[in-house]
Amino acid sequence: MSSGFNTDVRAGERVFHVQTEDRGPVHPRIDTAVYHSGRVVYRLSTDYTDFATSNEFSEEILRQRVQEQHRRIIESLRSGILAADIAALLGAEPSTPRGEVAPADEAVGIQVLLQNPGSWLSAGHVSLDLEILRRADQKPEPGALVEAMIEGALRETKHTAKSDENGRAKIRFALPPLGKGDLALVIHATGNGGDDSIRFTMRSRANAPAPSNEA
């Protein structure tokens, strides 16, 4: 299974979406893309071929590398280090001087967060601990409908739950039989304030044994 992280980041007057994914094993790279209004405004790709073929390689260390690159890009956005590069691409002046963060204006919509990104898949079972927040004040969004599915499975079954008064939801199901193409865990939440989705790329295994039952 490949690691993936998704975070919305406010820097100055803009909100960016940062997505970091492991592209291995065929293409051993850690790719980070920064989006603004659906447009890619910054990319960072780190090759780890030497690490992938070394005796030190492990899935846990690789996941930590993916998480660390994701964190560094978020910190660079918040500190203003990337402000000039992004402003040049967008054709505008940086919204704040480097090292400063402008007061946040009111954000809209909701945000779905996976609380256990490193342990959601274990022994053929999917266990999702989720939190749904309002973007405007980061307070819980109760009553949101949350759906999860494995994209690329032989049967793409949706599993649902509703967030409680604390904005928390749990979804549990057995990993379905997998196809041989690209695979991803897709989580979508819909609430009064809008909707949001996150996607975690998975590594397909042609000969992976299918679980004996499904939730």
Protein backbone atom coordinates (compact mmCIF):
# COMPACT_ATOMS: atom_id res chain seq x y z
CA MET A 1 0.00 0.00 0.00
CA SER A 2 1.32 3.46 -0.88
CA SER A 3 1.13 6.39 1.48
CA GLY A 4 -0.79 9.56 0.75
CA PHE A 5 -1.60 12.77 2.60
CA ASN A 6 -4.04 15.59 1.80
CA THR A 7 -4.23 18.91 3.68
CA ASP A 8 -5.86 22.28 3.12
CA VAL A 9 -3.55 25.13 4.10
CA ARG A 10 -4.30 28.83 4.49
CA ALA A 11 -1.41 31.13 3.60
CA GLY A 12 -2.22 34.81 3.49
CA GLU A 13 -5.48 35.37 1.67
CA ARG A 14 -5.33 32.11 -0.23
CA VAL A 15 -6.27 28.52 0.61
CA PHE A 16 -4.14 25.79 -0.94
CA HIS A 17 -4.65 22.03 -1.14
CA VAL A 18 -1.46 20.02 -0.62
CA GLN A 19 -1.40 16.43 -1.87
CA THR A 20 1.60 14.13 -1.35
CA GLU A 21 1.75 10.58 -2.70
CA ASP A 22 4.20 7.72 -3.05
CA ARG A 23 4.31 6.66 -6.73
CA GLY A 24 6.26 3.39 -6.18
CA PRO A 25 7.18 0.66 -6.74
CA VAL A 26 7.35 1.02 -10.55
CA HIS A 27 8.18 4.72 -10.29
CA PRO A 28 9.80 5.21 -6.87
CA ARG A 29 9.09 8.89 -6.30
CA ILE A 30 7.43 10.98 -3.64
CA ASP A 31 5.33 13.61 -5.41
CA THR A 32 3.81 16.68 -3.80
CA ALA A 33 1.39 18.95 -5.67
CA VAL A 34 0.03 22.24 -4.36
CA TYR A 35 -3.35 23.27 -5.77
CA HIS A 36 -5.09 26.64 -5.76
CA SER A 37 -8.63 26.85 -7.20
CA GLY A 38 -8.06 23.48 -8.89
CA ARG A 39 -4.80 24.59 -10.54
CA VAL A 40 -1.37 23.15 -9.75
CA VAL A 41 0.83 26.03 -8.57
CA TYR A 42 3.81 24.10 -7.20
CA ARG A 43 5.29 20.61 -7.50
CA LEU A 44 8.07 18.73 -5.74
CA SER A 45 9.21 15.25 -6.79
CA THR A 46 11.77 13.27 -4.79
CA ASP A 47 13.30 10.11 -6.28
CA TYR A 48 14.02 7.31 -3.81
CA THR A 49 15.34 4.60 -6.14
CA ASP A 50 18.50 4.11 -4.06
CA PHE A 51 16.48 3.75 -0.86
CA ALA A 52 13.99 1.36 -2.50
CA THR A 53 16.80 -1.05 -3.46
CA SER A 54 18.74 -0.79 -0.20
CA ASN A 55 18.66 -3.12 2.80
CA GLU A 56 17.29 -0.23 4.89
CA PHE A 57 14.02 -0.07 2.95
CA SER A 58 10.78 -0.55 4.88
CA GLU A 59 7.20 0.55 4.30
CA GLU A 60 7.15 2.38 7.63
CA ILE A 61 10.27 4.45 6.88
CA LEU A 62 8.90 5.23 3.42
CA ARG A 63 5.63 6.40 4.95
CA GLN A 64 7.59 8.65 7.29
CA ARG A 65 9.47 10.13 4.32
CA VAL A 66 6.19 10.86 2.54
CA GLN A 67 4.77 12.47 5.67
CA GLU A 68 7.93 14.55 6.23
CA GLN A 69 7.90 15.92 2.66
CA HIS A 70 4.20 16.75 3.06
CA ARG A 71 4.93 18.58 6.33
CA ARG A 72 7.85 20.55 4.85
CA ILE A 73 5.74 21.86 1.97
CA ILE A 74 2.96 22.90 4.37
CA GLU A 75 5.49 24.77 6.54
CA SER A 76 6.97 26.43 3.44
CA LEU A 77 3.52 27.66 2.44
CA ARG A 78 2.70 29.00 5.89
CA SER A 79 6.06 30.71 6.34
CA GLY A 80 5.91 32.42 2.93
CA ILE A 81 8.94 30.66 1.44
CA LEU A 82 6.93 29.63 -1.64
CA ALA A 83 4.98 32.89 -1.89
CA ALA A 84 7.07 34.50 -4.64
CA ASP A 85 7.15 31.36 -6.82
CA ILE A 86 3.39 30.85 -6.52
CA ALA A 87 2.61 34.53 -7.06
CA ALA A 88 4.71 34.53 -10.24
CA LEU A 89 2.77 31.57 -11.59
CA LEU A 90 -0.58 33.14 -10.67
CA GLY A 91 0.46 36.47 -12.16
CA ALA A 92 0.02 38.43 -8.92
CA GLU A 93 2.06 39.92 -6.11
CA PRO A 94 2.61 37.76 -3.03
CA SER A 95 -0.35 38.18 -0.72
CA THR A 96 1.93 38.65 2.30
CA PRO A 97 5.63 39.33 2.88
CA ARG A 98 7.78 36.28 3.46
CA GLY A 99 7.60 35.01 7.00
CA GLU A 100 4.24 36.68 7.70
CA VAL A 101 0.74 35.22 7.66
CA ALA A 102 -2.18 37.50 6.92
CA PRO A 103 -5.36 37.31 9.00
CA ALA A 104 -7.57 34.56 7.66
CA ASP A 105 -10.80 35.57 6.04
CA GLU A 106 -13.79 33.35 6.44
CA ALA A 107 -13.47 29.98 4.72
CA VAL A 108 -16.49 28.08 3.50
CA GLY A 109 -17.37 24.43 3.18
CA ILE A 110 -16.39 21.40 5.21
CA GLN A 111 -13.24 19.33 5.55
CA VAL A 112 -12.99 15.58 5.98
CA LEU A 113 -9.91 14.32 7.86
CA LEU A 114 -8.62 10.77 8.23
CA GLN A 115 -7.30 10.45 11.77
CA ASN A 116 -5.38 7.19 11.22
CA PRO A 117 -3.65 7.57 7.82
CA GLY A 118 -0.89 5.15 8.74
CA SER A 119 -3.02 2.31 10.09
CA TRP A 120 -6.36 2.34 8.29
CA LEU A 121 -5.64 -0.99 6.56
CA SER A 122 -4.66 -4.00 8.65
CA ALA A 123 -5.05 -7.76 8.17
CA GLY A 124 -7.44 -7.34 5.25
CA HIS A 125 -9.79 -4.96 7.08
CA VAL A 126 -10.35 -1.24 6.57
CA SER A 127 -10.84 0.86 9.73
CA LEU A 128 -11.44 4.56 9.12
CA ASP A 129 -11.48 7.05 11.99
CA LEU A 130 -12.82 10.26 10.49
CA GLU A 131 -13.43 13.83 11.57
CA ILE A 132 -15.56 16.34 9.67
CA LEU A 133 -15.03 20.03 10.41
CA ARG A 134 -16.42 23.35 9.20
CA ARG A 135 -13.67 25.23 7.37
CA ALA A 136 -14.83 28.60 8.67
CA ASP A 137 -14.17 27.93 12.36
CA GLN A 138 -12.78 24.37 12.46
CA LYS A 139 -15.72 23.28 14.60
CA PRO A 140 -17.41 19.86 14.21
CA GLU A 141 -19.93 19.28 11.43
CA PRO A 142 -22.53 16.90 12.92
CA GLY A 143 -24.86 14.84 10.74
CA ALA A 144 -22.57 14.77 7.70
CA LEU A 145 -22.94 11.75 5.42
CA VAL A 146 -19.58 10.05 4.89
CA GLU A 147 -18.96 7.48 2.16
CA ALA A 148 -15.88 5.31 1.63
CA MET A 149 -14.97 2.91 -1.14
CA ILE A 150 -11.99 1.18 -2.72
CA GLU A 151 -11.73 2.56 -6.24
CA GLY A 152 -10.54 -0.17 -8.63
CA ALA A 153 -11.90 -3.08 -6.56
CA LEU A 154 -13.73 -5.82 -8.43
CA ARG A 155 -16.90 -4.52 -6.77
CA GLU A 156 -16.78 -0.81 -5.85
CA THR A 157 -19.13 -0.91 -2.85
CA LYS A 158 -19.81 2.28 -0.88
CA HIS A 159 -19.75 2.08 2.92
CA THR A 160 -21.44 4.91 4.80
CA ALA A 161 -21.70 6.52 8.22
CA LYS A 162 -22.91 9.80 9.71
CA SER A 163 -20.82 12.11 11.86
CA ASP A 164 -21.86 12.47 15.50
CA GLU A 165 -22.20 15.68 17.52
CA ASN A 166 -18.40 15.88 17.71
CA GLY A 167 -18.01 15.56 13.96
CA ARG A 168 -16.57 12.06 14.31
CA ALA A 169 -17.46 9.02 12.22
CA LYS A 170 -16.16 5.45 11.99
CA ILE A 171 -16.37 3.20 8.95
CA ARG A 172 -15.31 -0.45 9.10
CA PHE A 173 -15.36 -3.03 6.30
CA ALA A 174 -13.41 -5.97 4.93
CA LEU A 175 -11.06 -5.20 2.07
CA PRO A 176 -12.89 -6.33 -1.08
CA PRO A 177 -11.34 -8.42 -3.87
CA LEU A 178 -8.96 -6.14 -5.72
CA GLY A 179 -8.52 -5.55 -9.44
CA LYS A 180 -5.13 -5.40 -11.11
CA GLY A 181 -5.19 -1.72 -12.12
CA ASP A 182 -4.78 1.45 -10.09
CA LEU A 183 -6.37 1.29 -6.65
CA ALA A 184 -7.33 4.05 -4.24
CA LEU A 185 -9.24 4.60 -1.02
CA VAL A 186 -11.77 7.38 -1.69
CA ILE A 187 -13.61 9.14 1.15
CA HIS A 188 -16.37 11.67 0.50
CA ALA A 189 -18.32 13.71 3.05
CA THR A 190 -21.48 15.77 2.49
CA GLY A 191 -22.87 18.14 5.10
CA ASN A 192 -24.89 21.33 5.44
CA GLY A 193 -21.79 23.38 4.65
CA GLY A 194 -20.88 21.57 1.43
CA ASP A 195 -18.78 18.53 0.62
CA ASP A 196 -15.16 17.38 0.56
CA SER A 197 -13.19 14.35 -0.62
CA ILE A 198 -9.81 12.79 0.03
CA ARG A 199 -8.06 10.06 -1.95
CA PHE A 200 -5.25 7.72 -0.91
CA THR A 201 -3.42 5.88 -3.69
CA MET A 202 -2.90 2.17 -3.04
CA ARG A 203 -0.44 -0.27 -4.57
CA SER A 204 -2.22 -3.06 -6.45
CA ARG A 205 -0.98 -6.62 -6.17
CA ALA A 206 -2.01 -8.93 -8.95
CA ASN A 207 -1.78 -12.04 -6.81
CA ALA A 208 -3.13 -10.59 -3.55
CA PRO A 209 -5.49 -13.10 -1.92
CA ALA A 210 -9.10 -11.97 -1.81
CA PRO A 211 -10.72 -11.74 1.63
CA SER A 212 -13.35 -14.33 2.33
CA ASN A 213 -16.13 -11.92 3.24
CA GLU A 214 -17.23 -8.31 2.84
CA ALA A 215 -18.94 -5.88 5.15
